[in-house]
Amino acid sequence: MKLNKAWHLSHKMPANATLDQRIEWHLDHQKNCGCRDIPEKLKLEIMKRGL
């Protein structure tokens, strides 16, 4: 998919992001950009949490 540069510039991943922050960022990223897939490790955690 195509990179949404404007979204990326305004939605930086926090430094030393917690697991919750990483999950939130990747879910938001998937909705707004989708230039890459969610890492497998996070996909498993998202499924565990039922998100």
PDB file of N, CA and C in Angstrom:
ATOM      1  N   MET A   1       0.838  -1.189   0.000  1.00  0.00           N
ATOM      2  CA  MET A   1       0.000   0.000   0.000  1.00  0.00           C
ATOM      3  C   MET A   1       0.881   1.249   0.000  1.00  0.00           C
ATOM      4  N   LYS A   2       0.270   2.359  -0.275  1.00  0.00           N
ATOM      5  CA  LYS A   2       0.978   3.619  -0.371  1.00  0.00           C
ATOM      6  C   LYS A   2       1.181   4.260   1.006  1.00  0.00           C
ATOM      7  N   LEU A   3       2.321   4.874   1.186  1.00  0.00           N
ATOM      8  CA  LEU A   3       2.664   5.570   2.423  1.00  0.00           C
ATOM      9  C   LEU A   3       1.852   6.853   2.555  1.00  0.00           C
ATOM     10  N   ASN A   4       1.259   7.060   3.722  1.00  0.00           N
ATOM     11  CA  ASN A   4       0.548   8.294   4.028  1.00  0.00           C
ATOM     12  C   ASN A   4       1.518   9.174   4.816  1.00  0.00           C
ATOM     13  N   LYS A   5       2.321   9.937   4.095  1.00  0.00           N
ATOM     14  CA  LYS A   5       3.390  10.735   4.699  1.00  0.00           C
ATOM     15  C   LYS A   5       2.847  11.740   5.721  1.00  0.00           C
ATOM     16  N   ALA A   6       1.750  12.388   5.410  1.00  0.00           N
ATOM     17  CA  ALA A   6       1.175  13.378   6.326  1.00  0.00           C
ATOM     18  C   ALA A   6       0.794  12.734   7.657  1.00  0.00           C
ATOM     19  N   TRP A   7       0.205  11.541   7.595  1.00  0.00           N
ATOM     20  CA  TRP A   7      -0.172  10.848   8.830  1.00  0.00           C
ATOM     21  C   TRP A   7       1.072  10.503   9.632  1.00  0.00           C
ATOM     22  N   HIS A   8       2.084   9.949   8.983  1.00  0.00           N
ATOM     23  CA  HIS A   8       3.318   9.567   9.669  1.00  0.00           C
ATOM     24  C   HIS A   8       3.986  10.761  10.340  1.00  0.00           C
ATOM     25  N   LEU A   9       4.012  11.905   9.670  1.00  0.00           N
ATOM     26  CA  LEU A   9       4.647  13.091  10.239  1.00  0.00           C
ATOM     27  C   LEU A   9       3.925  13.597  11.482  1.00  0.00           C
ATOM     28  N   SER A  10       2.620  13.414  11.533  1.00  0.00           N
ATOM     29  CA  SER A  10       1.859  13.911  12.679  1.00  0.00           C
ATOM     30  C   SER A  10       1.556  12.847  13.728  1.00  0.00           C
ATOM     31  N   HIS A  11       1.983  11.624  13.503  1.00  0.00           N
ATOM     32  CA  HIS A  11       1.725  10.521  14.444  1.00  0.00           C
ATOM     33  C   HIS A  11       2.987   9.700  14.670  1.00  0.00           C
ATOM     34  N   LYS A  12       3.920  10.296  15.381  1.00  0.00           N
ATOM     35  CA  LYS A  12       5.183   9.612  15.670  1.00  0.00           C
ATOM     36  C   LYS A  12       4.970   8.577  16.771  1.00  0.00           C
ATOM     37  N   MET A  13       5.642   7.456  16.639  1.00  0.00           N
ATOM     38  CA  MET A  13       5.647   6.443  17.692  1.00  0.00           C
ATOM     39  C   MET A  13       6.414   7.050  18.872  1.00  0.00           C
ATOM     40  N   PRO A  14       5.852   7.016  20.087  1.00  0.00           N
ATOM     41  CA  PRO A  14       6.566   7.569  21.240  1.00  0.00           C
ATOM     42  C   PRO A  14       7.890   6.836  21.480  1.00  0.00           C
ATOM     43  N   ALA A  15       8.874   7.573  21.964  1.00  0.00           N
ATOM     44  CA  ALA A  15      10.151   6.964  22.331  1.00  0.00           C
ATOM     45  C   ALA A  15       9.915   6.014  23.500  1.00  0.00           C
ATOM     46  N   ASN A  16      10.542   4.864  23.462  1.00  0.00           N
ATOM     47  CA  ASN A  16      10.378   3.858  24.520  1.00  0.00           C
ATOM     48  C   ASN A  16       8.902   3.536  24.772  1.00  0.00           C
ATOM     49  N   ALA A  17       8.165   3.365  23.698  1.00  0.00           N
ATOM     50  CA  ALA A  17       6.718   3.121  23.782  1.00  0.00           C
ATOM     51  C   ALA A  17       6.411   1.848  24.565  1.00  0.00           C
ATOM     52  N   THR A  18       5.370   1.926  25.373  1.00  0.00           N
ATOM     53  CA  THR A  18       4.894   0.749  26.095  1.00  0.00           C
ATOM     54  C   THR A  18       4.183  -0.172  25.107  1.00  0.00           C
ATOM     55  N   LEU A  19       3.903  -1.377  25.538  1.00  0.00           N
ATOM     56  CA  LEU A  19       3.174  -2.315  24.686  1.00  0.00           C
ATOM     57  C   LEU A  19       1.813  -1.738  24.311  1.00  0.00           C
ATOM     58  N   ASP A  20       1.121  -1.139  25.271  1.00  0.00           N
ATOM     59  CA  ASP A  20      -0.186  -0.537  24.991  1.00  0.00           C
ATOM     60  C   ASP A  20      -0.078   0.580  23.960  1.00  0.00           C
ATOM     61  N   GLN A  21       0.955   1.419  24.068  1.00  0.00           N
ATOM     62  CA  GLN A  21       1.152   2.506  23.107  1.00  0.00           C
ATOM     63  C   GLN A  21       1.463   1.958  21.718  1.00  0.00           C
ATOM     64  N   ARG A  22       2.275   0.916  21.658  1.00  0.00           N
ATOM     65  CA  ARG A  22       2.616   0.310  20.375  1.00  0.00           C
ATOM     66  C   ARG A  22       1.382  -0.278  19.703  1.00  0.00           C
ATOM     67  N   ILE A  23       0.565  -0.967  20.483  1.00  0.00           N
ATOM     68  CA  ILE A  23      -0.658  -1.546  19.934  1.00  0.00           C
ATOM     69  C   ILE A  23      -1.572  -0.449  19.415  1.00  0.00           C
ATOM     70  N   GLU A  24      -1.773   0.589  20.218  1.00  0.00           N
ATOM     71  CA  GLU A  24      -2.640   1.696  19.817  1.00  0.00           C
ATOM     72  C   GLU A  24      -2.128   2.347  18.535  1.00  0.00           C
ATOM     73  N   TRP A  25      -0.801   2.599  18.455  1.00  0.00           N
ATOM     74  CA  TRP A  25      -0.223   3.231  17.274  1.00  0.00           C
ATOM     75  C   TRP A  25      -0.419   2.367  16.040  1.00  0.00           C
ATOM     76  N   HIS A  26      -0.134   1.078  16.153  1.00  0.00           N
ATOM     77  CA  HIS A  26      -0.244   0.190  14.990  1.00  0.00           C
ATOM     78  C   HIS A  26      -1.686   0.025  14.522  1.00  0.00           C
ATOM     79  N   LEU A  27      -2.637  -0.034  15.443  1.00  0.00           N
ATOM     80  CA  LEU A  27      -4.043  -0.134  15.037  1.00  0.00           C
ATOM     81  C   LEU A  27      -4.477   1.141  14.314  1.00  0.00           C
ATOM     82  N   ASP A  28      -4.066   2.303  14.838  1.00  0.00           N
ATOM     83  CA  ASP A  28      -4.379   3.580  14.195  1.00  0.00           C
ATOM     84  C   ASP A  28      -3.681   3.666  12.838  1.00  0.00           C
ATOM     85  N   HIS A  29      -2.450   3.206  12.775  1.00  0.00           N
ATOM     86  CA  HIS A  29      -1.686   3.213  11.535  1.00  0.00           C
ATOM     87  C   HIS A  29      -2.382   2.375  10.465  1.00  0.00           C
ATOM     88  N   GLN A  30      -2.853   1.208  10.860  1.00  0.00           N
ATOM     89  CA  GLN A  30      -3.521   0.327   9.905  1.00  0.00           C
ATOM     90  C   GLN A  30      -4.756   0.997   9.311  1.00  0.00           C
ATOM     91  N   LYS A  31      -5.464   1.777  10.113  1.00  0.00           N
ATOM     92  CA  LYS A  31      -6.668   2.468   9.633  1.00  0.00           C
ATOM     93  C   LYS A  31      -6.337   3.636   8.710  1.00  0.00           C
ATOM     94  N   ASN A  32      -5.180   4.292   8.944  1.00  0.00           N
ATOM     95  CA  ASN A  32      -4.880   5.539   8.249  1.00  0.00           C
ATOM     96  C   ASN A  32      -3.787   5.466   7.205  1.00  0.00           C
ATOM     97  N   CYS A  33      -2.998   4.427   7.222  1.00  0.00           N
ATOM     98  CA  CYS A  33      -1.901   4.369   6.267  1.00  0.00           C
ATOM     99  C   CYS A  33      -1.788   2.968   5.670  1.00  0.00           C
ATOM    100  N   GLY A  34      -1.399   2.022   6.456  1.00  0.00           N
ATOM    101  CA  GLY A  34      -1.287   0.667   5.944  1.00  0.00           C
ATOM    102  C   GLY A  34      -0.104   0.425   5.037  1.00  0.00           C
ATOM    103  N   CYS A  35       0.966   1.228   5.176  1.00  0.00           N
ATOM    104  CA  CYS A  35       2.133   1.033   4.318  1.00  0.00           C
ATOM    105  C   CYS A  35       2.900  -0.229   4.688  1.00  0.00           C
ATOM    106  N   ARG A  36       2.597  -0.764   5.867  1.00  0.00           N
ATOM    107  CA  ARG A  36       3.214  -2.022   6.291  1.00  0.00           C
ATOM    108  C   ARG A  36       2.255  -2.732   7.229  1.00  0.00           C
ATOM    109  N   ASP A  37       2.502  -4.010   7.409  1.00  0.00           N
ATOM    110  CA  ASP A  37       1.640  -4.821   8.254  1.00  0.00           C
ATOM    111  C   ASP A  37       2.043  -4.689   9.722  1.00  0.00           C
ATOM    112  N   ILE A  38       1.127  -5.022  10.617  1.00  0.00           N
ATOM    113  CA  ILE A  38       1.414  -5.044  12.052  1.00  0.00           C
ATOM    114  C   ILE A  38       2.361  -6.215  12.310  1.00  0.00           C
ATOM    115  N   PRO A  39       3.421  -5.994  13.106  1.00  0.00           N
ATOM    116  CA  PRO A  39       4.345  -7.099  13.409  1.00  0.00           C
ATOM    117  C   PRO A  39       3.611  -8.283  14.053  1.00  0.00           C
ATOM    118  N   GLU A  40       4.057  -9.479  13.722  1.00  0.00           N
ATOM    119  CA  GLU A  40       3.399 -10.703  14.198  1.00  0.00           C
ATOM    120  C   GLU A  40       3.259 -10.744  15.724  1.00  0.00           C
ATOM    121  N   LYS A  41       4.299 -10.339  16.427  1.00  0.00           N
ATOM    122  CA  LYS A  41       4.278 -10.350  17.894  1.00  0.00           C
ATOM    123  C   LYS A  41       3.124  -9.488  18.429  1.00  0.00           C
ATOM    124  N   LEU A  42       2.917  -8.334  17.811  1.00  0.00           N
ATOM    125  CA  LEU A  42       1.822  -7.461  18.232  1.00  0.00           C
ATOM    126  C   LEU A  42       0.470  -8.019  17.801  1.00  0.00           C
ATOM    127  N   LYS A  43       0.416  -8.648  16.625  1.00  0.00           N
ATOM    128  CA  LYS A  43      -0.845  -9.260  16.178  1.00  0.00           C
ATOM    129  C   LYS A  43      -1.325 -10.289  17.200  1.00  0.00           C
ATOM    130  N   LEU A  44      -0.391 -11.094  17.705  1.00  0.00           N
ATOM    131  CA  LEU A  44      -0.751 -12.101  18.695  1.00  0.00           C
ATOM    132  C   LEU A  44      -1.287 -11.455  19.959  1.00  0.00           C
ATOM    133  N   GLU A  45      -0.643 -10.389  20.414  1.00  0.00           N
ATOM    134  CA  GLU A  45      -1.089  -9.695  21.623  1.00  0.00           C
ATOM    135  C   GLU A  45      -2.461  -9.048  21.406  1.00  0.00           C
ATOM    136  N   ILE A  46      -2.679  -8.487  20.225  1.00  0.00           N
ATOM    137  CA  ILE A  46      -3.963  -7.873  19.890  1.00  0.00           C
ATOM    138  C   ILE A  46      -5.067  -8.925  19.914  1.00  0.00           C
ATOM    139  N   MET A  47      -4.780 -10.105  19.368  1.00  0.00           N
ATOM    140  CA  MET A  47      -5.762 -11.191  19.375  1.00  0.00           C
ATOM    141  C   MET A  47      -6.041 -11.664  20.803  1.00  0.00           C
ATOM    142  N   LYS A  48      -5.000 -11.760  21.631  1.00  0.00           N
ATOM    143  CA  LYS A  48      -5.177 -12.155  23.030  1.00  0.00           C
ATOM    144  C   LYS A  48      -6.122 -11.211  23.763  1.00  0.00           C
ATOM    145  N   ARG A  49      -5.992  -9.916  23.434  1.00  0.00           N
ATOM    146  CA  ARG A  49      -6.793  -8.878  24.088  1.00  0.00           C
ATOM    147  C   ARG A  49      -8.166  -8.711  23.457  1.00  0.00           C
ATOM    148  N   GLY A  50      -8.380  -9.366  22.341  1.00  0.00           N
ATOM    149  CA  GLY A  50      -9.676  -9.270  21.666  1.00  0.00           C
ATOM    150  C   GLY A  50      -9.921  -7.917  21.019  1.00  0.00           C
ATOM    151  N   LEU A  51      -8.851  -7.272  20.562  1.00  0.00           N
ATOM    152  CA  LEU A  51      -8.995  -5.944  19.943  1.00  0.00           C
ATOM    153  C   LEU A  51      -9.169  -6.046  18.454  1.00  0.00           C
TER     154      LEU A  51
END
